Structures are given as structure tokens and as C-alpha cells.
Amino acid sequence: AVSDDDRKRSLMVFGLGEGPDEALRSKVDDLLSLSCAAAKPSISDCYRVGDIREGVERPVKLLNSSEAAARVLRNAKVLRGTTRFKKVYVSPDRSREEREKKRTLVTQIKEKISSEPEKYHFIKNGTVCSREKQQPPSPHSTATAPSSSLRATAPALASTPVSQHPSRAKTKRN
């Protein structure tokens, strides 16, 4: 059994292509360089997990410090914007029970999305939560209209002759 402390230092990477003569360490280094460009964390070990099966890519387990693991998870969304790692998913190393609970939550959220598409659904603290989607402001909303003080001065400035307009005020030059 793996301790919780060891799991905090480990990450799982899914969708990283697998080949017969792969340079796994090189692929992982490239992935970390892209996700944490400023301060690429060093890893102590990386290896594929699971049995080799035809047509199935095995996940990669990365071992490093808990701070580095947290940094990689925070920056993992950067990988979605790349062409090479667009379909790669980085997640914390979870126990069997945690994986089953996560799978149940994902099933629940998918059901909610299909039954209530007008709401925004998310997982927070181990439960599925929902809220109303925020609507983009309409072009006629009061938030984008000029404030009342600007509206009050606009007609006064519009009726001022151009030569007396404040933006056209003449200044004395030396």
C-alpha cells in the first residue's frame, strides 16, 4: 500500500503516447518544460503503470516533491494549448477508493449536465454543485452605459462652440 504522503509527491499522466522504443524520460521532461516553463521541476523517477495491452496507452507515474507536484497540477492547463500535449491529462495520484469516488462524481455531473444544461455544474469538496450560468452583459445594460454625471455634461459640451470647447482651449506658448 502506498502512503498518503507518497501520493502527494506523485502525479499520474494520461494520454502520453506509448511506443516500442520510447524515451519516456525525454517525453516527461518536454511535458514539464511546457507546463512549468519558468521553473521546471526535477523528477526523481517516472515509469508506465499497468499491463501492456494492444492499442491501450498506459498512464505514466511521476515521482517528485509535493511542492513540484502541486506546481505541475496548477500549470497543467497550459498543455491544452499545445499541439503535442493537447490530449494529455495530468492528475494527482489517487487510491482505488478515491478513483472510484471520482468516477461516481463524474457520472453524476454528466447526468446533471444533460438534465440541466442551463446551469453550470462543478465538483467541489467531493460533491456535485450547480449554479446559474452567468449571462454576458447585453449591449443595452446599464453597466456599459455612461454614468449619469457624464450624461449630464455631454449636452452642455455639445452646445459649446468649438473655439470655446475645453479640449480646444488655447494655451500660451513661450
Protein backbone atom coordinates (compact mmCIF):
# COMPACT_ATOMS: atom_id res chain seq x y z
CA ALA A 1 0.00 0.00 0.00
CA VAL A 2 1.17 3.49 -0.86
CA SER A 3 1.02 6.08 1.92
CA ASP A 4 -0.85 9.38 1.57
CA ASP A 5 2.48 11.20 1.83
CA ASP A 6 3.85 9.27 -1.16
CA ARG A 7 0.68 10.03 -3.14
CA LYS A 8 1.13 13.77 -2.53
CA ARG A 9 4.54 13.54 -4.20
CA SER A 10 3.25 11.58 -7.19
CA LEU A 11 1.36 12.52 -10.32
CA MET A 12 -0.34 10.46 -12.99
CA VAL A 13 -0.11 11.47 -16.65
CA PHE A 14 -2.70 10.05 -19.05
CA GLY A 15 -2.65 10.20 -22.84
CA LEU A 16 1.12 10.40 -23.25
CA GLY A 17 1.77 8.34 -26.38
CA GLU A 18 3.45 4.98 -25.94
CA GLY A 19 5.78 3.34 -28.42
CA PRO A 20 8.05 0.29 -28.51
CA ASP A 21 11.31 2.24 -28.26
CA GLU A 22 10.09 5.27 -26.38
CA ALA A 23 12.28 7.68 -24.47
CA LEU A 24 9.86 8.17 -21.59
CA ARG A 25 12.13 10.43 -19.55
CA SER A 26 12.56 12.75 -22.56
CA LYS A 27 8.79 12.96 -23.13
CA VAL A 28 8.20 13.75 -19.46
CA ASP A 29 10.93 16.42 -19.48
CA ASP A 30 9.32 18.05 -22.53
CA LEU A 31 5.92 17.97 -20.83
CA LEU A 32 7.30 19.56 -17.65
CA SER A 33 9.20 22.19 -19.63
CA LEU A 34 6.00 23.30 -21.33
CA SER A 35 3.77 23.22 -18.27
CA CYS A 36 6.23 24.89 -15.87
CA ALA A 37 8.36 26.96 -18.21
CA ALA A 38 9.70 29.36 -15.56
CA ALA A 39 10.84 26.74 -13.05
CA LYS A 40 10.79 23.21 -14.45
CA PRO A 41 10.65 20.75 -11.54
CA SER A 42 13.03 17.84 -11.45
CA ILE A 43 11.57 14.37 -11.11
CA SER A 44 13.18 11.51 -9.26
CA ASP A 45 11.54 8.77 -11.32
CA CYS A 46 8.93 8.09 -13.98
CA TYR A 47 7.50 4.82 -15.24
CA ARG A 48 4.48 3.32 -17.00
CA VAL A 49 1.82 1.69 -14.83
CA GLY A 50 -0.24 -1.37 -15.77
CA ASP A 51 -0.03 -4.30 -18.13
CA ILE A 52 0.94 -3.87 -21.77
CA ARG A 53 -2.15 -4.29 -23.96
CA GLU A 54 -2.57 -3.80 -27.68
CA GLY A 55 -3.95 -0.34 -28.54
CA VAL A 56 -4.01 0.91 -24.93
CA GLU A 57 -1.72 3.68 -23.69
CA ARG A 58 -0.65 3.05 -20.12
CA PRO A 59 -0.52 6.03 -17.73
CA VAL A 60 2.81 7.37 -16.51
CA LYS A 61 3.57 7.82 -12.82
CA LEU A 62 5.88 10.70 -11.91
CA LEU A 63 7.67 10.86 -8.58
CA ASN A 64 8.89 14.21 -7.25
CA SER A 65 8.36 16.56 -4.30
CA SER A 66 4.89 17.56 -3.10
CA GLU A 67 5.60 21.23 -3.97
CA ALA A 68 6.64 20.31 -7.50
CA ALA A 69 3.59 18.07 -7.91
CA ALA A 70 1.29 20.92 -6.83
CA ARG A 71 3.03 23.32 -9.25
CA VAL A 72 2.67 20.90 -12.17
CA LEU A 73 -1.04 20.40 -11.38
CA ARG A 74 -1.60 24.18 -11.21
CA ASN A 75 0.05 24.69 -14.60
CA ALA A 76 -1.33 21.58 -16.34
CA LYS A 77 -3.96 23.64 -18.18
CA VAL A 78 -1.14 25.15 -20.27
CA LEU A 79 -0.75 21.78 -22.00
CA ARG A 80 -4.22 22.08 -23.58
CA GLY A 81 -2.96 24.99 -25.67
CA THR A 82 -0.14 22.96 -27.23
CA THR A 83 -0.47 20.68 -30.23
CA ARG A 84 1.83 17.97 -28.90
CA PHE A 85 0.23 17.57 -25.45
CA LYS A 86 -3.32 18.72 -26.21
CA LYS A 87 -4.84 15.36 -25.19
CA VAL A 88 -2.60 14.77 -22.17
CA TYR A 89 -4.27 14.85 -18.75
CA VAL A 90 -2.31 15.31 -15.51
CA SER A 91 -3.93 14.29 -12.23
CA PRO A 92 -2.92 13.59 -8.65
CA ASP A 93 -2.09 10.00 -7.76
CA ARG A 94 -5.30 8.64 -6.21
CA SER A 95 -6.01 5.47 -4.25
CA ARG A 96 -8.51 2.93 -5.59
CA GLU A 97 -11.25 4.32 -3.30
CA GLU A 98 -10.52 7.90 -4.41
CA ARG A 99 -10.65 6.87 -8.07
CA GLU A 100 -14.00 5.13 -7.57
CA LYS A 101 -15.42 8.17 -5.76
CA LYS A 102 -14.16 10.48 -8.52
CA ARG A 103 -15.68 8.20 -11.17
CA THR A 104 -19.04 8.32 -9.36
CA LEU A 105 -18.89 12.13 -9.14
CA VAL A 106 -18.05 12.43 -12.84
CA THR A 107 -21.02 10.18 -13.70
CA GLN A 108 -23.28 12.35 -11.52
CA ILE A 109 -22.06 15.58 -13.10
CA LYS A 110 -22.58 14.19 -16.61
CA GLU A 111 -26.17 13.31 -15.70
CA LYS A 112 -26.73 16.82 -14.29
CA ILE A 113 -25.26 18.43 -17.41
CA SER A 114 -27.63 16.50 -19.64
CA SER A 115 -30.69 17.11 -17.41
CA GLU A 116 -29.97 20.77 -16.58
CA PRO A 117 -27.91 22.25 -19.45
CA GLU A 118 -28.86 25.82 -18.49
CA LYS A 119 -26.79 25.56 -15.29
CA TYR A 120 -23.06 25.45 -14.61
CA HIS A 121 -22.06 22.24 -12.78
CA PHE A 122 -18.81 21.54 -10.93
CA ILE A 123 -17.28 19.29 -8.28
CA LYS A 124 -16.27 20.95 -5.02
CA ASN A 125 -15.16 19.21 -1.83
CA GLY A 126 -16.39 15.84 -3.02
CA THR A 127 -19.90 16.91 -4.04
CA VAL A 128 -21.52 17.97 -7.31
CA CYS A 129 -22.61 21.61 -7.16
CA SER A 130 -24.69 23.67 -9.59
CA ARG A 131 -25.32 27.36 -10.14
CA GLU A 132 -26.88 29.54 -12.77
CA LYS A 133 -24.64 30.33 -15.72
CA GLN A 134 -23.53 33.94 -15.85
CA GLN A 135 -25.03 35.65 -18.85
CA PRO A 136 -22.81 38.03 -20.81
CA PRO A 137 -23.92 41.64 -20.34
CA SER A 138 -26.31 42.83 -23.01
CA PRO A 139 -25.25 45.82 -25.12
CA HIS A 140 -28.11 47.83 -23.62
CA SER A 141 -27.39 47.11 -19.97
CA THR A 142 -26.79 49.98 -17.56
CA ALA A 143 -23.35 48.64 -16.68
CA THR A 144 -21.98 49.71 -20.05
CA ALA A 145 -23.92 52.97 -20.31
CA PRO A 146 -22.12 56.18 -19.39
CA SER A 147 -22.61 57.34 -15.84
CA SER A 148 -25.28 59.96 -15.11
CA SER A 149 -22.67 62.64 -14.42
CA LEU A 150 -21.20 62.15 -17.89
CA ARG A 151 -24.63 62.21 -19.47
CA ALA A 152 -25.42 65.49 -17.72
CA THR A 153 -22.27 67.22 -19.02
CA ALA A 154 -22.36 65.78 -22.53
CA PRO A 155 -25.21 68.03 -23.81
CA ALA A 156 -23.56 71.10 -22.31
CA LEU A 157 -20.28 70.35 -24.09
CA ALA A 158 -22.07 69.55 -27.33
CA SER A 159 -23.68 73.01 -27.40
CA THR A 160 -20.37 74.79 -26.65
CA PRO A 161 -18.78 76.40 -29.75
CA VAL A 162 -15.67 74.58 -30.95
CA SER A 163 -13.41 77.53 -30.19
CA GLN A 164 -14.56 77.55 -26.53
CA HIS A 165 -14.63 73.76 -26.08
CA PRO A 166 -12.36 72.67 -23.17
CA SER A 167 -10.43 70.27 -25.38
CA ARG A 168 -9.66 73.13 -27.76
CA ALA A 169 -8.53 75.58 -25.08
CA LYS A 170 -5.56 77.63 -26.25
CA THR A 171 -2.51 77.72 -24.06
CA LYS A 172 0.09 80.43 -24.05
CA ARG A 173 3.37 79.24 -25.51
CA ASN A 174 6.72 80.69 -24.56
